[in-house]
């Protein structure tokens, strides 16, 4: 009788290599001495381009322009569309002028803004001549969108980059951004005697000085939301500190607790207290109030000396060190684990490696707005190609980390209307001060990224998608998500620009275990911070369904159409699922003293 050989487990990998398609590829040493002058030049240039590669933009625009030049039929179509837009605008302008002369109602607009475009919602924009100005801008914006989309032969990524940059230029010159063409600003200036412009000018000077000097904006300039005082105030202790993390153990709030503790792994792109904001919207406080023993990783804010911290350092010194500490302190044989954003991606890597190596300490896995496949990462992919990553590596190499302003700039560009132009309109022209909340204060409390880790993250996950394709190396061997056999709870948010929910949903396709997928209203942050006791004005809803390991695959759009919608916060649904995997209730142990009181020291690092 023939014998079937088992798969070999021999070591076929080399340190520092990546396995791709059955062959070994040595990553180039971007910090070699020969390339140092080039890196310095690119780093200096990055300071003036917001770390956007000019070569990447030029390549994309050349691809678009050259293919448009080779498409005379498309050119003719765009010319006809331009003539039609001009004709529509001229007819509208004539009707609007006639209506204004006879004090009649303004005509119906010839183009309506997109639902998310709120620049021209004020009634002042419907009066002549501002209605003519806004309609002309919207028609121009529509034509450029058509011109940059669907040109035959243009690479998809290049087409998206061209469309995106064209939109940025148009948004910059929108009539809402300037005093002479904005009736709302003109009315406010008359009402306040120009004080709004004085206040806005002073703020613009202060912001400009901060930008030129490189001074940090600070977590909360008003001082209303300080970690350990107004936010991050759930009682607890630091039970572990190493060169990368502090591990927080929160005090029990009930007389008995679930036997299985919970480890939360937040993203290191943000400070952990997004999950422990004010007492009324703290996920940590919610969980300890329902009998869960909660541990939280607080990441160090890296500086130049931490430039060589790697992705595997974040796994070993972060997730694995935390699991070891929890096991030693509690004696628990199983631990529930929850990861948020990049923390969820890292936790997935750690879980796959543990499953491969026979480490059975995980009882369940929860992924909050976390991607394990990066083929559809949303608009962030606009900033990720070989040219852009190489340019960003040069900027990081010169200083040892990715600066907080560089990170914030990319996210602001993705939603420039909301995060750049509308804010500048309010601050510099209308003189309206910020409305600071605990969430906005946390969002300004940014962190840095070590050079080596962020380069590995961009190349191994975004560029090469190694994790989803079974090529991601841990201890010189690839890991596979299909090895994970514990139940998974995955949360996506409908309006997520960072981790689009359809991308998060791919965990259903890429794993062979039971996956409970929940889709909630809101965005990447506000969708996750969803306390049940929230203001009634915040209408929350979610959909949830279980995909068993032996069920046929359901695509995300069909899932979204078929799963019923529930009203309210998703927290109780997840907590009920978590409780089923948290073991029986046992008497709570008295809280022992740790190295320091929560929130610890790392979260306070500027």
Protein backbone atom coordinates (compact mmCIF):
# COMPACT_ATOMS: atom_id res chain seq x y z
CA UNK A 1 0.00 0.00 0.00
CA UNK A 2 1.35 3.42 -0.94
CA UNK A 3 2.15 5.90 1.78
CA UNK A 4 1.36 9.61 1.57
CA UNK A 5 4.16 11.79 2.90
CA UNK A 6 3.34 14.64 5.29
CA UNK A 7 4.16 18.21 4.29
CA UNK A 8 7.77 18.93 5.27
CA UNK A 9 8.51 21.46 7.98
CA UNK A 10 12.16 22.00 7.04
CA UNK A 11 13.63 25.48 7.15
CA UNK A 12 13.73 26.84 3.61
CA UNK A 13 13.76 30.53 4.47
CA UNK A 14 16.57 33.01 4.99
CA UNK A 15 16.48 35.85 7.47
CA UNK A 16 15.46 39.10 5.80
CA UNK A 17 13.98 37.42 2.74
CA UNK A 18 10.43 37.31 1.45
CA UNK A 19 8.93 34.27 -0.20
CA UNK A 20 6.91 35.20 -3.26
CA UNK A 21 5.53 32.76 -5.77
CA UNK A 22 7.87 29.97 -4.64
CA UNK A 23 11.03 32.06 -5.01
CA UNK A 24 13.06 34.08 -2.58
CA UNK A 25 13.30 37.85 -3.06
CA UNK A 26 15.79 39.80 -1.02
CA UNK A 27 14.39 43.20 -0.12
CA UNK A 28 16.66 46.05 -1.25
CA UNK A 29 18.57 47.84 1.46
CA UNK A 30 17.13 51.32 1.09
CA UNK A 31 19.63 52.68 3.62
CA UNK A 32 22.80 51.60 1.86
CA UNK A 33 25.67 54.08 1.77
CA UNK A 34 25.54 54.34 -2.03
CA UNK A 35 21.93 55.51 -1.94
CA UNK A 36 22.32 57.95 0.98
CA UNK A 37 22.62 61.10 -1.22
CA UNK A 38 19.48 60.10 -3.12
CA UNK A 39 17.63 59.48 0.11
CA UNK A 40 18.65 62.85 1.52
CA UNK A 41 17.47 64.62 -1.63
CA UNK A 42 14.13 62.83 -1.58
CA UNK A 43 13.73 63.49 2.14
CA UNK A 44 14.27 67.23 1.61
CA UNK A 45 11.80 67.24 -1.27
CA UNK A 46 9.22 65.34 0.81
CA UNK A 47 9.02 68.25 3.24
CA UNK A 48 7.62 70.42 0.44
CA UNK A 49 5.31 67.85 -1.14
CA UNK A 50 3.58 66.49 1.98
CA UNK A 51 5.50 63.24 1.33
CA UNK A 52 3.66 62.73 -1.96
CA UNK A 53 6.03 61.44 -4.65
CA UNK A 54 6.27 63.85 -7.64
CA UNK A 55 7.41 60.91 -9.77
CA UNK A 56 4.26 58.95 -8.89
CA UNK A 57 2.03 61.89 -9.80
CA UNK A 58 3.92 62.59 -13.03
CA UNK A 59 3.71 58.93 -14.06
CA UNK A 60 -0.03 58.80 -13.43
CA UNK A 61 -0.73 62.02 -15.35
CA UNK A 62 1.49 60.97 -18.24
CA UNK A 63 -0.34 57.64 -18.46
CA UNK A 64 -3.69 59.45 -18.57
CA UNK A 65 -2.64 62.20 -20.98
CA UNK A 66 -0.88 59.89 -23.43
CA UNK A 67 -3.82 57.48 -23.62
CA UNK A 68 -6.27 60.38 -23.97
CA UNK A 69 -4.10 61.69 -26.82
CA UNK A 70 -4.48 58.28 -28.52
CA UNK A 71 -8.28 58.35 -28.10
CA UNK A 72 -9.75 60.88 -30.58
CA UNK A 73 -13.28 59.54 -30.07
CA UNK A 74 -12.95 60.10 -26.31
CA UNK A 75 -11.63 63.60 -26.95
CA UNK A 76 -14.62 64.36 -29.14
CA UNK A 77 -16.97 63.04 -26.48
CA UNK A 78 -15.35 65.24 -23.81
CA UNK A 79 -15.52 68.26 -26.12
CA UNK A 80 -19.24 67.70 -26.65
CA UNK A 81 -19.77 67.30 -22.91
CA UNK A 82 -17.86 70.52 -22.26
CA UNK A 83 -20.00 72.38 -24.82
CA UNK A 84 -23.15 70.95 -23.24
CA UNK A 85 -22.02 72.03 -19.76
CA UNK A 86 -21.24 75.55 -20.95
CA UNK A 87 -24.63 75.76 -22.67
CA UNK A 88 -26.47 74.57 -19.57
CA UNK A 89 -24.59 77.08 -17.43
CA UNK A 90 -25.29 79.98 -19.78
CA UNK A 91 -29.01 79.15 -19.90
CA UNK A 92 -29.09 78.90 -16.12
CA UNK A 93 -27.17 82.18 -15.71
CA UNK A 94 -29.67 83.95 -17.96
CA UNK A 95 -32.67 82.56 -16.07
CA UNK A 96 -31.08 83.42 -12.72
CA UNK A 97 -30.32 87.00 -13.79
CA UNK A 98 -33.84 87.48 -15.17
CA UNK A 99 -35.35 86.05 -12.00
CA UNK A 100 -33.24 88.36 -9.84
CA UNK A 101 -34.26 91.39 -11.93
CA UNK A 102 -37.95 90.57 -11.43
CA UNK A 103 -37.49 89.42 -7.81
CA UNK A 104 -38.75 85.97 -8.75
CA UNK A 105 -37.81 82.62 -7.30
CA UNK A 106 -34.40 81.37 -8.48
CA UNK A 107 -34.57 78.69 -11.21
CA UNK A 108 -34.10 75.00 -10.53
CA UNK A 109 -30.38 74.17 -10.41
CA UNK A 110 -28.95 72.48 -13.48
CA UNK A 111 -26.68 70.31 -11.30
CA UNK A 112 -27.06 69.11 -7.71
CA UNK A 113 -24.04 68.60 -5.42
CA UNK A 114 -23.21 65.13 -4.16
CA UNK A 115 -24.86 64.16 -0.89
CA UNK A 116 -21.62 64.55 1.07
CA UNK A 117 -20.83 67.97 -0.43
CA UNK A 118 -22.12 70.57 2.03
CA UNK A 119 -20.23 73.60 0.72
CA UNK A 120 -23.25 75.23 -0.94
CA UNK A 121 -26.10 74.24 1.40
CA UNK A 122 -26.53 77.68 2.96
CA UNK A 123 -29.58 79.52 1.49
CA UNK A 124 -27.29 82.43 0.52
CA UNK A 125 -25.88 80.31 -2.30
CA UNK A 126 -29.30 80.09 -3.96
CA UNK A 127 -29.45 83.88 -4.52
CA UNK A 128 -28.06 85.64 -7.59
CA UNK A 129 -25.17 85.87 -8.48
CA UNK A 130 -23.85 83.23 -6.08
CA UNK A 131 -26.08 80.53 -7.52
CA UNK A 132 -24.48 81.14 -10.92
CA UNK A 133 -20.99 80.92 -9.39
CA UNK A 134 -21.68 77.68 -7.52
CA UNK A 135 -23.42 76.03 -10.48
CA UNK A 136 -20.50 76.87 -12.76
CA UNK A 137 -18.06 75.31 -10.31
CA UNK A 138 -20.12 72.13 -9.92
CA UNK A 139 -20.43 71.71 -13.69
CA UNK A 140 -16.68 72.13 -14.06
CA UNK A 141 -16.09 69.58 -11.31
CA UNK A 142 -18.43 67.12 -13.03
CA UNK A 143 -16.63 67.51 -16.37
CA UNK A 144 -13.19 66.89 -14.87
CA UNK A 145 -14.48 63.78 -13.13
CA UNK A 146 -15.72 62.44 -16.47
CA UNK A 147 -12.48 63.45 -18.21
CA UNK A 148 -10.25 61.60 -15.77
CA UNK A 149 -12.35 58.45 -15.53
CA UNK A 150 -12.67 55.64 -18.03
CA UNK A 151 -9.90 56.56 -20.49
CA UNK A 152 -9.12 53.33 -22.31
CA UNK A 153 -5.69 51.87 -21.56
CA UNK A 154 -4.95 53.85 -18.38
CA UNK A 155 -3.85 51.70 -15.44
CA UNK A 156 -6.54 51.60 -12.79
CA UNK A 157 -4.26 52.95 -10.07
CA UNK A 158 -3.08 55.80 -12.31
CA UNK A 159 -6.66 56.67 -13.21
CA UNK A 160 -7.62 56.85 -9.54
CA UNK A 161 -4.59 59.04 -8.75
CA UNK A 162 -5.42 61.45 -11.61
CA UNK A 163 -9.07 61.69 -10.55
CA UNK A 164 -8.04 62.25 -6.94
CA UNK A 165 -5.47 64.96 -7.68
CA UNK A 166 -7.82 66.75 -10.08
CA UNK A 167 -10.42 66.81 -7.32
CA UNK A 168 -7.86 68.22 -4.86
CA UNK A 169 -6.98 71.07 -7.23
CA UNK A 170 -10.64 71.90 -7.83
CA UNK A 171 -11.45 71.74 -4.12
CA UNK A 172 -8.58 74.15 -3.46
CA UNK A 173 -10.06 76.73 -5.84
CA UNK A 174 -13.70 76.26 -4.89
CA UNK A 175 -15.58 79.59 -4.58
CA UNK A 176 -16.50 78.70 -0.99
CA UNK A 177 -12.83 79.15 0.02
CA UNK A 178 -12.54 82.87 -0.78
CA UNK A 179 -14.09 86.02 0.67
CA UNK A 180 -15.01 87.67 -2.69
CA UNK A 181 -16.93 84.58 -3.86
CA UNK A 182 -18.51 83.36 -0.63
CA UNK A 183 -21.73 85.16 0.40
CA UNK A 184 -21.80 83.44 3.80
CA UNK A 185 -18.38 84.88 4.73
CA UNK A 186 -19.37 88.30 3.41
CA UNK A 187 -22.49 88.34 5.57
CA UNK A 188 -20.51 87.22 8.65
CA UNK A 189 -17.91 89.95 8.01
CA UNK A 190 -20.61 92.64 7.87
CA UNK A 191 -22.32 91.24 10.96
CA UNK A 192 -19.14 91.13 13.07
CA UNK A 193 -17.49 94.23 11.71
CA UNK A 194 -14.58 92.23 10.31
CA UNK A 195 -13.57 90.74 13.67
CA UNK A 196 -14.00 87.26 12.21
CA UNK A 197 -11.24 88.00 9.66
CA UNK A 198 -8.96 89.44 12.36
CA UNK A 199 -9.42 86.37 14.57
CA UNK A 200 -9.00 84.06 11.59
CA UNK A 201 -5.88 85.87 10.42
CA UNK A 202 -4.26 85.55 13.83
CA UNK A 203 -5.08 81.87 13.89
CA UNK A 204 -3.64 81.40 10.40
CA UNK A 205 -0.41 83.12 11.50
CA UNK A 206 -0.17 80.88 14.57
CA UNK A 207 -0.79 77.75 12.52
CA UNK A 208 1.77 78.87 9.94
CA UNK A 209 4.39 79.51 12.62
CA UNK A 210 3.74 76.09 14.12
CA UNK A 211 4.12 74.49 10.71
CA UNK A 212 7.40 76.29 9.95
CA UNK A 213 8.97 75.56 13.32
CA UNK A 214 7.77 71.97 13.43
CA UNK A 215 6.13 72.52 16.81
CA UNK A 216 3.54 69.86 17.67
CA UNK A 217 -0.07 70.91 17.75
CA UNK A 218 -0.64 69.08 21.03
CA UNK A 219 -3.29 66.62 21.98
CA UNK A 220 -5.75 69.22 23.17
CA UNK A 221 -4.79 72.88 23.09
CA UNK A 222 -7.76 73.74 25.28
CA UNK A 223 -6.57 71.35 28.00
CA UNK A 224 -10.08 69.97 28.44
CA UNK A 225 -9.30 66.33 27.64
CA UNK A 226 -6.12 65.06 29.27
CA UNK A 227 -5.26 61.34 29.55
CA UNK A 228 -5.57 60.22 33.14
CA UNK A 229 -7.71 63.21 34.10
CA UNK A 230 -10.73 63.61 31.82
CA UNK A 231 -10.11 60.69 29.43
CA UNK A 232 -8.41 57.31 29.99
CA UNK A 233 -9.62 57.34 33.58
CA UNK A 234 -10.85 53.77 34.07
CA UNK A 235 -8.95 52.56 37.18
CA UNK A 236 -6.17 50.07 36.60
CA UNK A 237 -2.49 49.24 36.93
CA UNK A 238 0.50 48.90 34.63
CA UNK A 239 1.55 45.26 35.06
CA UNK A 240 4.23 45.09 32.36
CA UNK A 241 6.58 47.60 30.78
CA UNK A 242 9.15 46.87 28.11
CA UNK A 243 10.83 48.92 25.40
CA UNK A 244 7.66 48.97 23.30
CA UNK A 245 4.54 48.57 25.46
CA UNK A 246 2.95 49.10 28.80
CA UNK A 247 0.32 46.49 29.61
CA UNK A 248 -2.62 47.89 31.56
CA UNK A 249 -4.81 45.67 33.74
CA UNK A 250 -8.11 47.32 34.66
CA UNK A 251 -9.63 46.91 38.11
CA UNK A 252 -12.63 44.63 38.39
CA UNK A 253 -15.92 46.50 38.79
CA UNK A 254 -18.04 43.48 39.78
CA UNK A 255 -17.82 40.95 42.59
CA UNK A 256 -17.50 38.08 40.15
CA UNK A 257 -15.90 38.02 36.70
CA UNK A 258 -15.63 35.77 33.68
CA UNK A 259 -12.81 33.28 34.04
CA UNK A 260 -11.32 34.05 30.62
CA UNK A 261 -9.59 37.47 30.51
CA UNK A 262 -9.62 39.80 27.50
CA UNK A 263 -6.57 41.38 25.84
CA UNK A 264 -7.18 44.44 23.65
CA UNK A 265 -4.54 45.32 21.04
CA UNK A 266 -5.09 48.88 19.73
CA UNK A 267 -3.35 50.27 16.68
CA UNK A 268 0.02 51.93 17.22
CA UNK A 269 -1.00 54.55 14.68
CA UNK A 270 -3.11 55.98 17.49
CA UNK A 271 -3.00 56.16 21.27
CA UNK A 272 -4.95 53.43 22.98
CA UNK A 273 -7.47 55.59 24.80
CA UNK A 274 -9.79 55.76 21.80
CA UNK A 275 -11.24 52.71 23.58
CA UNK A 276 -11.20 54.42 26.99
CA UNK A 277 -12.39 57.95 26.33
CA UNK A 278 -14.71 59.74 28.76
CA UNK A 279 -16.52 57.49 31.26
CA UNK A 280 -19.78 57.67 29.29
CA UNK A 281 -18.26 56.34 26.06
CA UNK A 282 -15.43 54.11 27.26
CA UNK A 283 -15.52 50.59 25.83
CA UNK A 284 -13.17 49.45 28.60
CA UNK A 285 -15.47 50.74 31.34
CA UNK A 286 -18.43 49.09 29.60
CA UNK A 287 -16.67 45.72 29.55
CA UNK A 288 -15.37 45.73 33.13
CA UNK A 289 -18.83 46.76 34.25
CA UNK A 290 -20.11 43.48 32.79
CA UNK A 291 -17.62 41.24 34.49
CA UNK A 292 -14.73 41.05 32.04
CA UNK A 293 -11.12 41.22 33.18
CA UNK A 294 -9.64 43.58 30.60
CA UNK A 295 -6.00 44.09 29.66
CA UNK A 296 -4.93 46.81 27.24
CA UNK A 297 -1.68 47.41 25.38
CA UNK A 298 -0.43 51.00 25.48
CA UNK A 299 2.19 51.47 22.75
CA UNK A 300 5.28 53.60 23.18
CA UNK A 301 5.43 56.69 20.97
CA UNK A 302 8.66 55.95 19.07
CA UNK A 303 11.45 58.41 18.43
CA UNK A 304 14.66 58.40 16.36
CA UNK A 305 16.29 55.78 18.59
CA UNK A 306 13.49 53.33 17.75
CA UNK A 307 14.03 53.46 13.98
CA UNK A 308 14.91 49.76 13.71
CA UNK A 309 11.85 48.37 15.50
CA UNK A 310 10.28 45.86 13.12
CA UNK A 311 6.83 44.44 12.55
CA UNK A 312 7.97 41.30 14.32
CA UNK A 313 9.09 43.38 17.31
CA UNK A 314 5.53 44.67 17.54
CA UNK A 315 4.29 41.07 17.50
CA UNK A 316 6.83 39.65 19.96
CA UNK A 317 7.28 42.61 22.33
CA UNK A 318 3.61 43.56 21.99
CA UNK A 319 1.06 40.80 21.52
CA UNK A 320 3.15 37.82 22.65
CA UNK A 321 4.69 39.62 25.63
CA UNK A 322 1.21 40.69 26.74
CA UNK A 323 -0.16 37.14 26.44
CA UNK A 324 2.78 35.80 28.45
CA UNK A 325 2.21 38.39 31.18
CA UNK A 326 -1.53 37.70 31.38
CA UNK A 327 -0.94 33.95 31.55
CA UNK A 328 1.63 34.39 34.33
CA UNK A 329 -0.54 36.78 36.36
CA UNK A 330 -3.93 35.05 36.06
CA UNK A 331 -3.00 31.44 35.41
CA UNK A 332 -5.66 31.43 32.68
CA UNK A 333 -5.17 28.75 30.04
CA UNK A 334 -7.26 30.63 27.45
CA UNK A 335 -7.46 34.33 26.63
CA UNK A 336 -9.89 36.26 24.44
CA UNK A 337 -8.14 38.76 22.18
CA UNK A 338 -9.45 41.87 20.43
CA UNK A 339 -7.56 44.02 17.91
CA UNK A 340 -8.50 47.42 16.51
CA UNK A 341 -7.35 48.67 13.09
CA UNK A 342 -3.63 47.87 12.65
CA UNK A 343 -3.79 46.16 16.03
CA UNK A 344 -6.28 43.72 14.55
CA UNK A 345 -4.01 43.02 11.58
CA UNK A 346 -1.09 42.38 13.93
CA UNK A 347 -3.27 40.20 16.14
CA UNK A 348 -4.30 38.15 13.10
CA UNK A 349 -0.64 37.58 12.25
CA UNK A 350 0.09 36.54 15.83
CA UNK A 351 -2.96 34.24 15.93
CA UNK A 352 -1.95 32.55 12.67
CA UNK A 353 1.59 32.00 13.97
CA UNK A 354 0.28 30.64 17.28
CA UNK A 355 -2.03 28.23 15.46
CA UNK A 356 0.84 27.09 13.24
CA UNK A 357 3.08 26.49 16.25
CA UNK A 358 0.47 24.74 18.42
CA UNK A 359 0.01 27.62 20.91
CA UNK A 360 -3.62 27.21 22.00
CA UNK A 361 -3.96 30.10 24.43
CA UNK A 362 -6.45 32.07 22.33
CA UNK A 363 -10.12 31.37 23.05
CA UNK A 364 -11.54 33.80 20.47
CA UNK A 365 -10.50 36.59 18.14
CA UNK A 366 -12.26 39.95 17.66
CA UNK A 367 -11.22 42.28 14.84
CA UNK A 368 -12.51 45.87 14.92
CA UNK A 369 -12.22 47.65 11.55
CA UNK A 370 -9.13 45.56 10.79
CA UNK A 371 -7.96 44.31 7.40
CA UNK A 372 -6.23 41.01 6.67
CA UNK A 373 -6.34 41.49 2.89
CA UNK A 374 -5.08 44.68 1.25
CA UNK A 375 -6.19 44.34 -2.35
CA UNK A 376 -9.03 46.81 -1.75
CA UNK A 377 -7.82 49.14 1.01
CA UNK A 378 -9.91 52.09 -0.16
CA UNK A 379 -8.51 55.51 -1.04
CA UNK A 380 -5.40 54.91 1.06
CA UNK A 381 -4.17 52.85 -1.89
CA UNK A 382 -3.70 56.17 -3.72
CA UNK A 383 -0.63 56.72 -1.53
CA UNK A 384 0.78 53.21 -1.90
CA UNK A 385 2.76 52.16 -4.95
CA UNK A 386 6.47 51.45 -5.43
CA UNK A 387 7.29 55.08 -6.20
CA UNK A 388 5.30 56.46 -3.29
CA UNK A 389 6.60 53.91 -0.77
CA UNK A 390 10.22 54.51 -1.84
CA UNK A 391 9.70 58.27 -1.50
CA UNK A 392 8.15 57.86 1.93
CA UNK A 393 10.98 55.55 3.01
CA UNK A 394 13.45 58.31 2.18
CA UNK A 395 11.53 60.75 4.37
CA UNK A 396 11.43 58.24 7.23
CA UNK A 397 15.07 57.23 6.79
CA UNK A 398 16.32 60.77 7.36
CA UNK A 399 14.57 61.11 10.71
CA UNK A 400 14.04 57.52 11.84
CA UNK A 401 10.23 57.63 11.91
CA UNK A 402 7.12 58.78 10.08
CA UNK A 403 6.19 62.14 11.53
CA UNK A 404 2.70 62.73 12.91
CA UNK A 405 2.09 65.57 10.44
CA UNK A 406 3.00 63.33 7.51
CA UNK A 407 0.50 60.73 8.68
CA UNK A 408 -2.23 63.28 9.37
CA UNK A 409 -1.70 64.91 5.97
CA UNK A 410 -2.57 61.73 4.08
CA UNK A 411 -5.80 61.22 6.00
CA UNK A 412 -6.77 64.88 5.60
CA UNK A 413 -6.32 64.69 1.83
CA UNK A 414 -8.71 61.74 1.65
CA UNK A 415 -11.45 63.94 3.09
CA UNK A 416 -10.14 67.36 2.15
CA UNK A 417 -13.57 69.01 2.02
CA UNK A 418 -14.33 68.06 5.63
CA UNK A 419 -10.85 68.04 7.18
CA UNK A 420 -9.05 70.81 5.27
CA UNK A 421 -11.16 73.33 3.35
CA UNK A 422 -14.27 73.43 5.51
CA UNK A 423 -12.12 73.77 8.63
CA UNK A 424 -10.06 76.56 7.08
CA UNK A 425 -13.27 78.27 6.03
CA UNK A 426 -14.54 78.13 9.61
CA UNK A 427 -11.23 79.04 11.25
CA UNK A 428 -9.70 81.64 8.92
CA UNK A 429 -12.71 83.29 7.27
CA UNK A 430 -15.62 82.83 9.65
CA UNK A 431 -13.52 82.96 12.82
CA UNK A 432 -15.36 80.02 14.36
CA UNK A 433 -13.30 78.23 17.05
CA UNK A 434 -13.00 74.47 17.18
CA UNK A 435 -15.65 72.48 19.00
CA UNK A 436 -13.39 70.20 20.98
CA UNK A 437 -14.73 66.81 22.05
CA UNK A 438 -12.95 63.89 23.63
CA UNK A 439 -12.84 62.17 20.23
CA UNK A 440 -11.39 65.18 18.38
CA UNK A 441 -8.86 65.75 21.19
CA UNK A 442 -7.77 62.10 20.92
CA UNK A 443 -7.54 62.42 17.13
CA UNK A 444 -5.06 65.29 17.52
CA UNK A 445 -2.95 63.26 19.97
CA UNK A 446 -1.03 61.60 17.15
CA UNK A 447 1.82 59.08 17.28
CA UNK A 448 4.88 58.37 15.14
CA UNK A 449 5.84 55.25 13.18
CA UNK A 450 9.29 53.62 13.35
CA UNK A 451 11.11 53.66 10.01
CA UNK A 452 11.68 49.90 9.66
CA UNK A 453 8.27 48.81 10.91
CA UNK A 454 6.31 51.16 8.68
CA UNK A 455 8.39 50.26 5.64
CA UNK A 456 7.73 46.55 6.29
CA UNK A 457 4.05 47.20 6.85
CA UNK A 458 3.65 49.10 3.57
CA UNK A 459 5.67 46.63 1.51
CA UNK A 460 4.67 43.29 3.01
CA UNK A 461 0.99 44.04 3.51
CA UNK A 462 -0.12 46.91 1.25
CA UNK A 463 2.18 46.36 -1.74
CA UNK A 464 2.64 42.56 -1.73
CA UNK A 465 -0.42 41.46 0.32
CA UNK A 466 1.75 38.72 1.85
CA UNK A 467 -0.60 37.85 4.73
CA UNK A 468 -3.61 37.04 2.55
CA UNK A 469 -1.43 35.06 0.14
CA UNK A 470 0.35 32.90 2.71
CA UNK A 471 3.73 34.59 2.25
CA UNK A 472 4.00 36.57 5.48
CA UNK A 473 6.98 35.31 7.48
CA UNK A 474 7.04 34.84 11.25
CA UNK A 475 10.19 33.19 12.59
CA UNK A 476 11.34 32.64 8.98
CA UNK A 477 8.27 30.57 8.07
CA UNK A 478 5.06 31.78 6.36
CA UNK A 479 1.81 31.90 8.31
CA UNK A 480 -1.67 31.16 6.98
CA UNK A 481 -4.96 32.66 8.16
CA UNK A 482 -6.62 29.31 7.42
CA UNK A 483 -4.73 27.83 10.40
CA UNK A 484 -6.78 29.96 12.81
CA UNK A 485 -9.43 27.69 14.32
CA UNK A 486 -10.91 29.86 17.09
CA UNK A 487 -14.20 31.73 16.50
CA UNK A 488 -13.82 35.21 15.03
CA UNK A 489 -15.98 38.30 15.54
CA UNK A 490 -15.27 40.93 12.87
CA UNK A 491 -16.68 44.47 12.88
CA UNK A 492 -16.80 46.75 9.84
CA UNK A 493 -18.14 50.31 9.70
CA UNK A 494 -20.23 51.63 6.83
CA UNK A 495 -18.46 54.96 6.28
CA UNK A 496 -14.89 53.74 6.88
CA UNK A 497 -12.26 55.50 4.73
CA UNK A 498 -9.34 53.71 6.41
CA UNK A 499 -10.50 50.08 6.42
CA UNK A 500 -13.49 49.83 4.03
CA UNK A 501 -16.00 47.32 5.33
CA UNK A 502 -15.91 45.16 2.20
CA UNK A 503 -12.18 44.78 2.75
CA UNK A 504 -12.75 43.89 6.42
CA UNK A 505 -15.37 41.34 5.29
CA UNK A 506 -12.69 39.35 3.45
CA UNK A 507 -11.81 37.63 6.71
CA UNK A 508 -14.89 35.48 5.96
CA UNK A 509 -13.30 34.34 2.70
CA UNK A 510 -9.75 33.90 3.99
CA UNK A 511 -10.37 31.83 7.14
CA UNK A 512 -11.77 28.35 7.73
CA UNK A 513 -13.40 28.98 11.09
CA UNK A 514 -16.71 30.38 12.30
CA UNK A 515 -16.90 34.12 11.62
CA UNK A 516 -19.54 36.41 13.06
CA UNK A 517 -19.52 39.55 10.92
CA UNK A 518 -21.12 42.77 12.15
CA UNK A 519 -21.55 45.92 10.06
CA UNK A 520 -22.33 49.07 11.99
CA UNK A 521 -23.19 52.64 11.05
CA UNK A 522 -20.55 55.34 11.37
CA UNK A 523 -16.92 55.65 10.37
CA UNK A 524 -13.60 54.17 11.41
CA UNK A 525 -13.59 55.83 14.83
CA UNK A 526 -17.12 57.07 15.53
CA UNK A 527 -18.56 53.73 14.40
CA UNK A 528 -16.44 51.84 16.94
CA UNK A 529 -17.04 54.31 19.79
CA UNK A 530 -20.77 53.55 20.02
CA UNK A 531 -21.93 53.40 23.65
CA UNK A 532 -25.51 52.17 24.20
CA UNK A 533 -26.27 55.17 26.40
CA UNK A 534 -25.37 57.66 23.65
CA UNK A 535 -27.40 60.75 22.84
CA UNK A 536 -30.69 59.81 21.15
CA UNK A 537 -29.81 62.18 18.31
CA UNK A 538 -27.12 59.72 17.21
CA UNK A 539 -29.07 57.15 15.21
CA UNK A 540 -27.10 53.90 15.37
CA UNK A 541 -27.79 50.61 13.65
CA UNK A 542 -26.01 47.41 12.74
CA UNK A 543 -26.33 44.13 10.87
CA UNK A 544 -24.94 40.85 12.18
CA UNK A 545 -24.83 37.29 10.89
CA UNK A 546 -22.81 34.14 11.57
CA UNK A 547 -20.88 32.38 8.83
CA UNK A 548 -20.19 28.77 9.89
CA UNK A 549 -16.99 27.14 8.70
CA UNK A 550 -18.94 24.70 6.50
CA UNK A 551 -21.31 27.28 4.98
CA UNK A 552 -21.10 28.46 1.37
CA UNK A 553 -19.51 31.87 0.86
CA UNK A 554 -21.82 34.89 0.63
CA UNK A 555 -20.42 37.96 -1.10
CA UNK A 556 -20.50 41.26 0.86
CA UNK A 557 -23.10 43.01 -1.29
CA UNK A 558 -25.56 40.10 -1.02
CA UNK A 559 -24.82 39.88 2.71
CA UNK A 560 -25.55 43.61 3.09
CA UNK A 561 -28.83 43.30 1.18
CA UNK A 562 -30.13 40.23 3.03
CA UNK A 563 -29.10 40.59 6.68
CA UNK A 564 -31.73 42.44 8.77
CA UNK A 565 -30.90 45.80 10.32
CA UNK A 566 -30.98 46.20 14.11
CA UNK A 567 -31.25 49.61 15.77
CA UNK A 568 -28.95 50.73 18.54
CA UNK A 569 -25.33 50.18 19.53
CA UNK A 570 -23.42 47.06 18.52
CA UNK A 571 -21.61 46.86 21.88
CA UNK A 572 -24.25 44.70 23.64
CA UNK A 573 -24.31 42.23 20.72
CA UNK A 574 -20.54 41.83 20.85
CA UNK A 575 -20.44 41.61 24.66
CA UNK A 576 -23.04 38.82 24.57
CA UNK A 577 -20.89 36.94 22.02
CA UNK A 578 -17.76 37.59 24.09
CA UNK A 579 -19.44 36.34 27.27
CA UNK A 580 -20.18 33.00 25.59
CA UNK A 581 -16.44 32.55 25.05
CA UNK A 582 -15.33 33.95 28.41
CA UNK A 583 -16.06 30.95 30.62
CA UNK A 584 -17.99 30.74 33.87
CA UNK A 585 -18.18 33.52 36.44
CA UNK A 586 -15.67 33.25 39.31
CA UNK A 587 -15.03 35.49 42.32
CA UNK A 588 -13.06 38.59 41.40
CA UNK A 589 -9.56 38.75 42.80
CA UNK A 590 -8.41 41.86 44.67
CA UNK A 591 -6.45 44.18 42.42
CA UNK A 592 -2.74 43.91 43.12
CA UNK A 593 -0.42 46.89 42.86
CA UNK A 594 1.46 47.22 39.61
CA UNK A 595 4.37 49.26 38.29
CA UNK A 596 2.23 52.39 38.10
CA UNK A 597 -1.40 53.45 38.00
CA UNK A 598 -3.22 53.53 34.69
CA UNK A 599 -2.95 55.15 32.18
CA UNK A 600 0.80 54.72 32.69
CA UNK A 601 3.65 56.74 31.19
CA UNK A 602 3.77 55.81 27.49
CA UNK A 603 0.40 57.37 26.67
CA UNK A 604 1.65 60.72 27.99
CA UNK A 605 4.66 60.83 25.67
CA UNK A 606 4.39 63.78 23.26
